Protein backbone atom coordinates (compact mmCIF):
# COMPACT_ATOMS: atom_id res chain seq x y z
CA MET A 1 -38.57 -25.45 102.57
CA GLN A 2 -37.22 -28.43 104.56
CA ASP A 3 -37.08 -30.61 101.59
CA LEU A 4 -34.34 -28.60 100.15
CA ARG A 5 -30.69 -30.35 99.81
CA LEU A 6 -27.74 -28.50 99.00
CA PHE A 7 -26.47 -29.57 95.51
CA GLU A 8 -23.67 -27.73 93.13
CA TYR A 9 -23.39 -28.14 89.49
CA ALA A 10 -21.40 -27.00 86.54
CA VAL A 11 -21.84 -26.63 83.05
CA ILE A 12 -20.09 -28.91 80.18
CA ARG A 13 -18.63 -26.51 77.89
CA ILE A 14 -17.19 -27.63 74.45
CA VAL A 15 -13.89 -25.48 73.28
CA PRO A 16 -12.85 -26.75 70.11
CA ARG A 17 -10.18 -24.73 69.58
CA PRO A 18 -8.85 -23.95 73.26
CA GLU A 19 -6.42 -21.21 72.26
CA ARG A 20 -9.38 -19.23 70.97
CA GLU A 21 -11.37 -19.92 74.47
CA GLU A 22 -14.79 -19.79 72.16
CA PHE A 23 -17.09 -22.25 73.50
CA VAL A 24 -20.72 -23.65 73.42
CA ASN A 25 -22.58 -24.85 76.09
CA ALA A 26 -23.35 -28.81 75.86
CA GLY A 27 -24.45 -29.81 79.52
CA VAL A 28 -24.73 -29.85 83.01
CA ILE A 29 -23.26 -31.85 85.84
CA LEU A 30 -24.63 -31.73 89.29
CA TYR A 31 -23.80 -33.35 92.53
CA CYS A 32 -26.19 -33.72 95.21
CA PRO A 33 -24.83 -35.22 98.64
CA ALA A 34 -28.00 -35.73 100.70
CA LYS A 35 -29.51 -37.19 98.21
CA LYS A 36 -26.45 -39.31 96.98
CA PHE A 37 -27.36 -38.55 93.33
CA LEU A 38 -24.68 -37.47 90.59
CA GLY A 39 -25.71 -36.97 87.33
CA MET A 40 -25.34 -35.28 83.70
CA ARG A 41 -27.09 -34.46 80.83
CA ALA A 42 -25.52 -33.51 77.37
CA HIS A 43 -26.06 -33.24 73.71
CA LEU A 44 -23.88 -32.44 70.64
CA PRO A 45 -24.75 -29.00 69.25
CA GLU A 46 -23.67 -29.51 65.73
CA THR A 47 -24.50 -26.35 64.24
CA LYS A 48 -23.41 -24.00 66.62
CA LEU A 49 -20.25 -25.76 67.00
CA HIS A 50 -19.57 -26.43 63.29
CA SER A 51 -19.94 -22.50 63.38
CA LEU A 52 -16.56 -22.38 65.56
CA ASP A 53 -14.69 -25.03 63.89
CA PRO A 54 -16.11 -26.23 60.70
CA ASN A 55 -13.42 -29.22 60.78
CA LEU A 56 -14.19 -30.46 64.11
CA SER A 57 -14.68 -34.20 64.54
CA LEU A 58 -18.15 -34.38 66.00
CA LYS A 59 -16.96 -37.88 66.52
CA GLU A 60 -14.12 -37.14 68.78
CA ILE A 61 -16.02 -34.93 70.70
CA SER A 62 -19.18 -37.67 71.50
CA MET A 63 -16.68 -39.62 72.35
CA HIS A 64 -15.73 -37.39 74.86
CA LEU A 65 -18.73 -36.89 76.40
CA GLN A 66 -19.23 -40.37 76.39
CA ALA A 67 -16.48 -40.54 78.28
CA PHE A 68 -17.65 -38.31 80.82
CA GLU A 69 -20.82 -39.70 81.27
CA GLU A 70 -19.62 -43.09 81.91
CA ILE A 71 -17.21 -41.66 84.72
CA CYS A 72 -20.18 -39.63 85.99
CA CYS A 73 -22.14 -42.65 86.32
CA GLY A 74 -19.58 -44.88 87.32
CA LYS A 75 -20.43 -47.18 84.54
CA ASN A 76 -16.67 -48.60 83.42
CA PRO A 77 -15.83 -50.84 86.14
CA ASP A 78 -12.26 -50.50 84.67
CA SER A 79 -12.29 -47.46 85.03
CA PRO A 80 -10.35 -46.00 88.45
CA ILE A 81 -12.00 -42.87 87.82
CA ALA A 82 -15.31 -44.24 87.57
CA GLN A 83 -15.04 -46.54 90.87
CA LEU A 84 -14.50 -43.59 92.75
CA ASP A 85 -17.27 -42.42 95.12
CA ASN A 86 -19.85 -39.51 94.17
CA ALA A 87 -17.92 -36.53 95.56
CA SER A 88 -14.68 -37.53 93.91
CA ARG A 89 -16.08 -37.96 90.37
CA PHE A 90 -17.33 -34.80 90.76
CA ARG A 91 -14.56 -32.91 91.32
CA TRP A 92 -12.30 -35.11 88.96
CA LEU A 93 -14.88 -34.18 86.35
CA THR A 94 -15.33 -30.35 87.08
CA ALA A 95 -11.40 -29.66 87.88
CA THR A 96 -9.86 -26.99 85.32
CA ARG A 97 -8.48 -28.45 82.36
CA SER A 98 -7.61 -26.79 78.74
CA THR A 99 -8.98 -29.44 76.49
CA MET A 100 -11.74 -29.30 74.13
CA LEU A 101 -14.15 -30.68 77.15
CA GLN A 102 -14.51 -28.23 80.16
CA THR A 103 -16.78 -27.30 82.68
CA SER A 104 -17.43 -23.79 83.95
CA LYS A 105 -17.10 -23.11 87.71
CA VAL A 106 -18.80 -24.89 90.13
CA HIS A 107 -22.03 -22.92 91.54
CA PRO A 108 -23.93 -23.84 94.55
CA GLY A 109 -27.97 -24.05 94.84
CA LEU A 110 -31.29 -25.79 96.97
CA CYS A 111 -33.24 -28.50 95.15
CA GLU A 112 -35.89 -31.02 96.84
CA ASP A 113 -35.42 -33.19 93.68
CA PRO A 114 -31.72 -33.26 91.93
CA GLU A 115 -32.99 -35.05 88.88
CA GLY A 116 -35.75 -32.99 87.95
CA THR A 117 -33.57 -29.76 89.14
CA LEU A 118 -30.83 -31.26 86.13
CA ASP A 119 -33.32 -31.03 83.70
CA LYS A 120 -34.60 -27.52 84.68
CA LEU A 121 -30.84 -26.11 84.33
CA VAL A 122 -29.67 -27.79 81.04
CA GLY A 123 -32.97 -26.08 79.57
CA GLU A 124 -31.76 -23.14 80.90
CA LEU A 125 -28.27 -22.99 80.00
CA VAL A 126 -28.33 -25.26 77.15
CA GLY A 127 -31.18 -24.82 75.26
């Protein structure tokens, strides 16, 4: 029980038509400050997305998800946002927005292994 650390997570949602407020869960982003961990897992649920909007550009959504991952992992040295610390990047990624790529409210939890917890949450919340 002593190894449990506080973490925060949000579900990544794809909202093909924001005015309709319908979404499909596509991933999870998890932040654990004590373990200096910030990570995300996402995939493109093509069939579900096309059921909400048959004209949706999967290529465009895929590019948005890739940008989210690059920011999360700090991969792009030219991006000022990707160069922020983990906490700032997590807050930026989980900020409320009305675009095709959104996140749920942030939820807390306790874990020993953030990477394993992220995988578990993706399995439970995304499928």
